[in-house]
Amino acid sequence: MNGSAHSGAKVFAAACAPCHRLNDQGHEVGPDLSVYRNKGVADWLEAILDPNAIIEPRFVNYAIATRDDRELSGLIHSETASAVTLIQGQGLSETIQRDNIREIRASTISLMPEGLETAIPPTAMADLIAYLKTPPQQED
């Protein structure tokens, strides 16, 4: 199925930009997708439909339970001896003091949500993949 990169840009903005950056749009939480433009359609489909299949070590999702009974999840953006900073969707970050952390555990589940196939119809998925594979417009 052929898609429209123009229409795919709108799908990207709604579904992917909260955590991915492409063509100066989105947030740098997950991988910058521009380096994957040459992936095949099947590779894109697998990555989108099964986000837990391959999780790069630098994008491991961490769950943090705090002493004040909050449950947080995200990518560890930075760590010091006294605090951990998580980055979450929309580029939001939160710093948690280590003395307030009850438990930190790495998750085997990606921060990228499962079930995007239910939220993105097949024609919109084709548009999204067309957008992901299309190089940015060259400015004159």
N, C-alpha and C. Protein backbone atom coordinates (compact mmCIF):
# COMPACT_ATOMS: atom_id res chain seq x y z
N MET A 1 0.85 -1.17 0.00
CA MET A 1 0.00 0.00 0.00
C MET A 1 0.90 1.23 0.00
N ASN A 2 0.67 2.13 -0.94
CA ASN A 2 1.43 3.37 -0.99
C ASN A 2 0.77 4.40 -0.09
N GLY A 3 1.59 5.21 0.53
CA GLY A 3 1.08 6.24 1.42
C GLY A 3 1.51 7.62 0.98
N SER A 4 0.91 8.60 1.58
CA SER A 4 1.22 10.01 1.33
C SER A 4 2.08 10.55 2.47
N ALA A 5 3.29 10.97 2.15
CA ALA A 5 4.17 11.53 3.18
C ALA A 5 3.56 12.78 3.80
N HIS A 6 2.86 13.57 2.99
CA HIS A 6 2.22 14.79 3.50
C HIS A 6 1.19 14.43 4.58
N SER A 7 0.34 13.44 4.30
CA SER A 7 -0.64 13.00 5.29
C SER A 7 0.04 12.32 6.47
N GLY A 8 1.14 11.61 6.19
CA GLY A 8 1.88 10.93 7.25
C GLY A 8 2.48 11.89 8.26
N ALA A 9 2.80 13.11 7.82
CA ALA A 9 3.34 14.11 8.76
C ALA A 9 2.33 14.41 9.86
N LYS A 10 1.06 14.41 9.51
CA LYS A 10 0.00 14.67 10.50
C LYS A 10 -0.12 13.49 11.47
N VAL A 11 0.00 12.27 10.94
CA VAL A 11 -0.04 11.08 11.79
C VAL A 11 1.14 11.10 12.74
N PHE A 12 2.32 11.45 12.22
CA PHE A 12 3.52 11.53 13.05
C PHE A 12 3.32 12.54 14.18
N ALA A 13 2.80 13.70 13.85
CA ALA A 13 2.60 14.76 14.86
C ALA A 13 1.69 14.27 15.99
N ALA A 14 0.66 13.52 15.64
CA ALA A 14 -0.29 13.07 16.65
C ALA A 14 0.20 11.85 17.43
N ALA A 15 0.81 10.89 16.74
CA ALA A 15 1.12 9.61 17.38
C ALA A 15 2.57 9.43 17.80
N CYS A 16 3.49 10.08 17.13
CA CYS A 16 4.91 9.80 17.35
C CYS A 16 5.69 10.96 17.97
N ALA A 17 5.32 12.18 17.63
CA ALA A 17 6.09 13.36 18.06
C ALA A 17 6.19 13.53 19.57
N PRO A 18 5.25 13.00 20.37
CA PRO A 18 5.46 13.14 21.82
C PRO A 18 6.76 12.51 22.31
N CYS A 19 7.30 11.54 21.56
CA CYS A 19 8.52 10.86 22.02
C CYS A 19 9.63 10.76 20.98
N HIS A 20 9.34 11.05 19.72
CA HIS A 20 10.35 10.92 18.67
C HIS A 20 10.51 12.25 17.94
N ARG A 21 11.72 12.47 17.46
CA ARG A 21 12.03 13.67 16.71
C ARG A 21 12.31 13.29 15.26
N LEU A 22 11.74 14.07 14.33
CA LEU A 22 11.98 13.88 12.90
C LEU A 22 11.66 15.19 12.20
N ASN A 23 12.57 15.61 11.32
CA ASN A 23 12.35 16.84 10.54
C ASN A 23 12.02 18.04 11.42
N ASP A 24 12.78 18.23 12.47
CA ASP A 24 12.62 19.36 13.39
C ASP A 24 11.25 19.39 14.06
N GLN A 25 10.63 18.23 14.18
CA GLN A 25 9.33 18.13 14.85
C GLN A 25 9.44 17.05 15.91
N GLY A 26 8.83 17.26 17.05
CA GLY A 26 8.76 16.24 18.08
C GLY A 26 9.75 16.45 19.21
N HIS A 27 9.79 15.44 20.07
CA HIS A 27 10.61 15.49 21.28
C HIS A 27 11.66 14.38 21.26
N GLU A 28 12.79 14.64 21.86
CA GLU A 28 13.89 13.69 21.90
C GLU A 28 13.81 12.84 23.16
N VAL A 29 12.85 11.94 23.18
CA VAL A 29 12.74 10.97 24.26
C VAL A 29 13.25 9.63 23.73
N GLY A 30 12.59 9.10 22.71
CA GLY A 30 13.03 7.88 22.05
C GLY A 30 14.02 8.23 20.95
N PRO A 31 14.37 7.25 20.14
CA PRO A 31 15.36 7.48 19.08
C PRO A 31 14.93 8.56 18.08
N ASP A 32 15.92 9.29 17.56
CA ASP A 32 15.72 10.21 16.44
C ASP A 32 15.50 9.32 15.22
N LEU A 33 14.34 9.40 14.62
CA LEU A 33 13.98 8.48 13.56
C LEU A 33 14.64 8.77 12.22
N SER A 34 15.29 9.91 12.08
CA SER A 34 15.91 10.25 10.80
C SER A 34 17.01 9.27 10.42
N VAL A 35 17.65 8.66 11.40
CA VAL A 35 18.74 7.72 11.10
C VAL A 35 18.21 6.38 10.56
N TYR A 36 16.91 6.19 10.64
CA TYR A 36 16.32 4.93 10.20
C TYR A 36 15.55 5.05 8.88
N ARG A 37 15.69 6.15 8.17
CA ARG A 37 14.92 6.38 6.93
C ARG A 37 15.04 5.25 5.92
N ASN A 38 16.19 4.60 5.87
CA ASN A 38 16.41 3.57 4.85
C ASN A 38 15.87 2.20 5.23
N LYS A 39 15.26 2.10 6.40
CA LYS A 39 14.67 0.82 6.78
C LYS A 39 13.55 0.46 5.81
N GLY A 40 13.33 -0.82 5.63
CA GLY A 40 12.25 -1.28 4.77
C GLY A 40 10.90 -1.14 5.46
N VAL A 41 9.86 -1.21 4.67
CA VAL A 41 8.49 -1.08 5.19
C VAL A 41 8.23 -2.14 6.26
N ALA A 42 8.65 -3.37 6.00
CA ALA A 42 8.43 -4.45 6.97
C ALA A 42 9.13 -4.16 8.30
N ASP A 43 10.33 -3.57 8.23
CA ASP A 43 11.05 -3.21 9.46
C ASP A 43 10.30 -2.14 10.24
N TRP A 44 9.78 -1.14 9.53
CA TRP A 44 9.01 -0.08 10.18
C TRP A 44 7.76 -0.66 10.84
N LEU A 45 7.06 -1.52 10.10
CA LEU A 45 5.85 -2.13 10.65
C LEU A 45 6.16 -2.92 11.92
N GLU A 46 7.22 -3.71 11.89
CA GLU A 46 7.57 -4.49 13.07
C GLU A 46 7.90 -3.58 14.25
N ALA A 47 8.67 -2.53 14.01
CA ALA A 47 9.05 -1.61 15.09
C ALA A 47 7.84 -0.90 15.68
N ILE A 48 6.89 -0.55 14.83
CA ILE A 48 5.69 0.17 15.30
C ILE A 48 4.72 -0.78 15.98
N LEU A 49 4.50 -1.93 15.38
CA LEU A 49 3.48 -2.85 15.89
C LEU A 49 3.97 -3.70 17.07
N ASP A 50 5.28 -3.89 17.19
CA ASP A 50 5.83 -4.67 18.30
C ASP A 50 6.99 -3.90 18.91
N PRO A 51 6.70 -2.82 19.62
CA PRO A 51 7.77 -1.97 20.16
C PRO A 51 8.65 -2.67 21.19
N ASN A 52 8.22 -3.79 21.71
CA ASN A 52 9.01 -4.51 22.72
C ASN A 52 9.96 -5.53 22.10
N ALA A 53 9.91 -5.73 20.80
CA ALA A 53 10.75 -6.74 20.15
C ALA A 53 12.23 -6.41 20.31
N ILE A 54 12.59 -5.16 20.08
CA ILE A 54 13.99 -4.74 20.20
C ILE A 54 14.00 -3.40 20.93
N ILE A 55 14.66 -3.38 22.07
CA ILE A 55 14.79 -2.14 22.83
C ILE A 55 16.28 -1.88 23.00
N GLU A 56 16.75 -0.80 22.39
CA GLU A 56 18.16 -0.45 22.52
C GLU A 56 18.47 -0.12 23.99
N PRO A 57 19.64 -0.52 24.48
CA PRO A 57 19.97 -0.29 25.89
C PRO A 57 19.80 1.16 26.35
N ARG A 58 20.10 2.11 25.50
CA ARG A 58 19.98 3.51 25.93
C ARG A 58 18.54 3.99 25.99
N PHE A 59 17.60 3.15 25.52
CA PHE A 59 16.19 3.51 25.55
C PHE A 59 15.37 2.57 26.43
N VAL A 60 16.03 1.96 27.42
CA VAL A 60 15.32 1.10 28.35
C VAL A 60 14.42 1.96 29.23
N ASN A 61 13.20 1.51 29.39
CA ASN A 61 12.21 2.18 30.24
C ASN A 61 12.46 1.75 31.69
N TYR A 62 12.52 2.71 32.58
CA TYR A 62 12.71 2.43 34.00
C TYR A 62 11.46 2.80 34.78
N ALA A 63 11.14 1.97 35.76
CA ALA A 63 10.04 2.26 36.68
C ALA A 63 10.66 2.63 38.01
N ILE A 64 10.19 3.72 38.57
CA ILE A 64 10.69 4.18 39.87
C ILE A 64 9.51 4.29 40.82
N ALA A 65 9.62 3.60 41.95
CA ALA A 65 8.64 3.71 43.03
C ALA A 65 9.24 4.63 44.09
N THR A 66 8.49 5.62 44.49
CA THR A 66 9.00 6.58 45.46
C THR A 66 8.47 6.28 46.86
N ARG A 67 9.12 6.83 47.83
CA ARG A 67 8.70 6.65 49.22
C ARG A 67 7.37 7.34 49.50
N ASP A 68 7.00 8.31 48.66
CA ASP A 68 5.69 8.97 48.83
C ASP A 68 4.63 8.33 47.93
N ASP A 69 4.86 7.06 47.58
CA ASP A 69 3.90 6.22 46.86
C ASP A 69 3.55 6.68 45.45
N ARG A 70 4.49 7.28 44.77
CA ARG A 70 4.28 7.59 43.35
C ARG A 70 4.98 6.52 42.52
N GLU A 71 4.42 6.24 41.35
CA GLU A 71 5.02 5.32 40.39
C GLU A 71 5.33 6.12 39.14
N LEU A 72 6.60 6.20 38.77
CA LEU A 72 7.03 6.96 37.60
C LEU A 72 7.69 6.02 36.61
N SER A 73 7.60 6.35 35.34
CA SER A 73 8.34 5.56 34.36
C SER A 73 8.87 6.50 33.29
N GLY A 74 9.99 6.11 32.73
CA GLY A 74 10.61 6.90 31.68
C GLY A 74 12.03 6.44 31.45
N LEU A 75 12.73 7.19 30.66
CA LEU A 75 14.13 6.91 30.37
C LEU A 75 15.00 7.68 31.34
N ILE A 76 16.06 7.07 31.81
CA ILE A 76 16.97 7.80 32.69
C ILE A 76 17.76 8.77 31.82
N HIS A 77 17.54 10.04 32.07
CA HIS A 77 18.20 11.10 31.31
C HIS A 77 19.55 11.43 31.91
N SER A 78 19.59 11.46 33.25
CA SER A 78 20.86 11.71 33.93
C SER A 78 20.77 11.19 35.36
N GLU A 79 21.94 10.96 35.93
CA GLU A 79 22.03 10.48 37.30
C GLU A 79 23.17 11.18 38.01
N THR A 80 22.96 11.45 39.28
CA THR A 80 24.04 11.93 40.14
C THR A 80 24.00 11.06 41.39
N ALA A 81 24.90 11.32 42.30
CA ALA A 81 24.91 10.57 43.56
C ALA A 81 23.65 10.84 44.37
N SER A 82 23.01 11.98 44.14
CA SER A 82 21.86 12.33 44.96
C SER A 82 20.51 12.31 44.24
N ALA A 83 20.50 12.17 42.89
CA ALA A 83 19.22 12.25 42.18
C ALA A 83 19.27 11.50 40.85
N VAL A 84 18.08 11.17 40.37
CA VAL A 84 17.89 10.55 39.06
C VAL A 84 16.89 11.42 38.31
N THR A 85 17.18 11.72 37.06
CA THR A 85 16.25 12.48 36.23
C THR A 85 15.69 11.58 35.15
N LEU A 86 14.37 11.45 35.14
CA LEU A 86 13.66 10.68 34.13
C LEU A 86 13.13 11.62 33.07
N ILE A 87 13.13 11.15 31.82
CA ILE A 87 12.49 11.89 30.75
C ILE A 87 11.34 11.03 30.26
N GLN A 88 10.21 11.69 30.03
CA GLN A 88 8.98 11.00 29.64
C GLN A 88 8.44 11.61 28.37
N GLY A 89 7.31 11.10 27.91
CA GLY A 89 6.67 11.64 26.71
C GLY A 89 6.50 13.14 26.79
N GLN A 90 6.43 13.77 25.62
CA GLN A 90 6.35 15.22 25.48
C GLN A 90 7.62 15.91 25.96
N GLY A 91 8.68 15.13 26.19
CA GLY A 91 9.94 15.71 26.64
C GLY A 91 9.92 16.16 28.09
N LEU A 92 8.91 15.75 28.84
CA LEU A 92 8.82 16.13 30.25
C LEU A 92 9.89 15.41 31.05
N SER A 93 10.51 16.11 31.95
CA SER A 93 11.51 15.46 32.79
C SER A 93 11.17 15.71 34.25
N GLU A 94 11.57 14.76 35.06
CA GLU A 94 11.35 14.89 36.51
C GLU A 94 12.57 14.37 37.22
N THR A 95 13.05 15.14 38.18
CA THR A 95 14.20 14.75 38.98
C THR A 95 13.70 14.23 40.32
N ILE A 96 14.15 13.03 40.67
CA ILE A 96 13.74 12.40 41.91
C ILE A 96 14.97 12.26 42.79
N GLN A 97 14.88 12.76 43.99
CA GLN A 97 15.99 12.63 44.92
C GLN A 97 16.14 11.17 45.32
N ARG A 98 17.38 10.70 45.37
CA ARG A 98 17.62 9.29 45.68
C ARG A 98 17.06 8.88 47.04
N ASP A 99 17.07 9.80 48.01
CA ASP A 99 16.54 9.42 49.33
C ASP A 99 15.00 9.27 49.30
N ASN A 100 14.36 9.66 48.20
CA ASN A 100 12.92 9.46 48.05
C ASN A 100 12.60 8.26 47.15
N ILE A 101 13.63 7.55 46.68
CA ILE A 101 13.41 6.40 45.81
C ILE A 101 13.37 5.12 46.65
N ARG A 102 12.26 4.42 46.51
CA ARG A 102 12.11 3.13 47.19
C ARG A 102 12.68 2.01 46.31
N GLU A 103 12.43 2.10 44.98
CA GLU A 103 12.88 1.05 44.07
C GLU A 103 13.04 1.60 42.66
N ILE A 104 14.09 1.15 41.98
CA ILE A 104 14.28 1.42 40.55
C ILE A 104 14.40 0.07 39.87
N ARG A 105 13.62 -0.12 38.82
CA ARG A 105 13.75 -1.37 38.08
C ARG A 105 13.64 -1.10 36.58
N ALA A 106 14.50 -1.80 35.85
CA ALA A 106 14.44 -1.72 34.39
C ALA A 106 13.25 -2.54 33.93
N SER A 107 12.55 -2.03 32.96
CA SER A 107 11.39 -2.73 32.42
C SER A 107 11.77 -3.45 31.14
N THR A 108 11.09 -4.52 30.86
CA THR A 108 11.27 -5.22 29.59
C THR A 108 10.26 -4.71 28.57
N ILE A 109 9.47 -3.73 28.98
CA ILE A 109 8.44 -3.16 28.10
C ILE A 109 8.89 -1.77 27.68
N SER A 110 8.81 -1.52 26.41
CA SER A 110 9.21 -0.24 25.84
C SER A 110 8.32 0.89 26.37
N LEU A 111 8.89 2.08 26.40
CA LEU A 111 8.10 3.26 26.72
C LEU A 111 7.09 3.54 25.59
N MET A 112 7.41 3.08 24.39
CA MET A 112 6.51 3.23 23.25
C MET A 112 5.28 2.34 23.48
N PRO A 113 4.11 2.90 23.34
CA PRO A 113 2.90 2.11 23.63
C PRO A 113 2.66 1.01 22.61
N GLU A 114 2.09 -0.08 23.10
CA GLU A 114 1.63 -1.15 22.22
C GLU A 114 0.24 -0.78 21.72
N GLY A 115 -0.19 -1.43 20.65
CA GLY A 115 -1.55 -1.25 20.18
C GLY A 115 -1.77 -0.08 19.25
N LEU A 116 -0.69 0.48 18.70
CA LEU A 116 -0.86 1.59 17.78
C LEU A 116 -1.67 1.20 16.55
N GLU A 117 -1.68 -0.11 16.23
CA GLU A 117 -2.46 -0.55 15.08
C GLU A 117 -3.95 -0.34 15.29
N THR A 118 -4.39 -0.24 16.53
CA THR A 118 -5.80 0.03 16.78
C THR A 118 -6.10 1.53 16.69
N ALA A 119 -5.10 2.34 16.89
CA ALA A 119 -5.28 3.79 16.84
C ALA A 119 -4.95 4.39 15.47
N ILE A 120 -4.19 3.65 14.67
CA ILE A 120 -3.78 4.15 13.36
C ILE A 120 -4.30 3.18 12.30
N PRO A 121 -5.33 3.58 11.54
CA PRO A 121 -5.87 2.70 10.50
C PRO A 121 -4.80 2.38 9.44
N PRO A 122 -4.98 1.28 8.69
CA PRO A 122 -3.97 0.88 7.70
C PRO A 122 -3.58 1.98 6.71
N THR A 123 -4.51 2.77 6.22
CA THR A 123 -4.14 3.82 5.27
C THR A 123 -3.28 4.89 5.95
N ALA A 124 -3.61 5.22 7.19
CA ALA A 124 -2.82 6.19 7.93
C ALA A 124 -1.44 5.62 8.27
N MET A 125 -1.38 4.31 8.53
CA MET A 125 -0.09 3.66 8.80
C MET A 125 0.79 3.73 7.55
N ALA A 126 0.21 3.51 6.38
CA ALA A 126 0.96 3.63 5.13
C ALA A 126 1.46 5.06 4.95
N ASP A 127 0.61 6.04 5.28
CA ASP A 127 1.02 7.45 5.20
C ASP A 127 2.18 7.72 6.16
N LEU A 128 2.06 7.22 7.39
CA LEU A 128 3.11 7.42 8.39
C LEU A 128 4.44 6.85 7.91
N ILE A 129 4.41 5.63 7.40
CA ILE A 129 5.66 5.01 6.95
C ILE A 129 6.23 5.77 5.75
N ALA A 130 5.37 6.26 4.87
CA ALA A 130 5.85 7.08 3.74
C ALA A 130 6.57 8.32 4.28
N TYR A 131 6.00 8.94 5.29
CA TYR A 131 6.61 10.13 5.90
C TYR A 131 7.95 9.77 6.56
N LEU A 132 7.98 8.66 7.29
CA LEU A 132 9.21 8.26 7.99
C LEU A 132 10.35 7.97 7.02
N LYS A 133 10.02 7.49 5.83
CA LYS A 133 11.04 7.13 4.85
C LYS A 133 11.43 8.28 3.93
N THR A 134 10.68 9.36 3.92
CA THR A 134 10.92 10.47 2.99
C THR A 134 11.95 11.43 3.59
N PRO A 135 13.03 11.73 2.86
CA PRO A 135 14.01 12.71 3.34
C PRO A 135 13.37 14.08 3.48
N PRO A 136 13.89 14.89 4.40
CA PRO A 136 13.34 16.24 4.59
C PRO A 136 13.48 17.05 3.31
N GLN A 137 12.60 18.00 3.15
CA GLN A 137 12.64 18.87 1.97
C GLN A 137 13.93 19.69 2.00
N GLN A 138 14.56 19.77 0.85
CA GLN A 138 15.76 20.58 0.71
C GLN A 138 15.36 22.04 0.58
N GLU A 139 15.96 22.88 1.40
CA GLU A 139 15.66 24.32 1.27
C GLU A 139 16.59 24.92 0.24
N ASP A 140 16.03 25.81 -0.54
CA ASP A 140 16.84 26.47 -1.58
C ASP A 140 17.76 27.51 -1.00
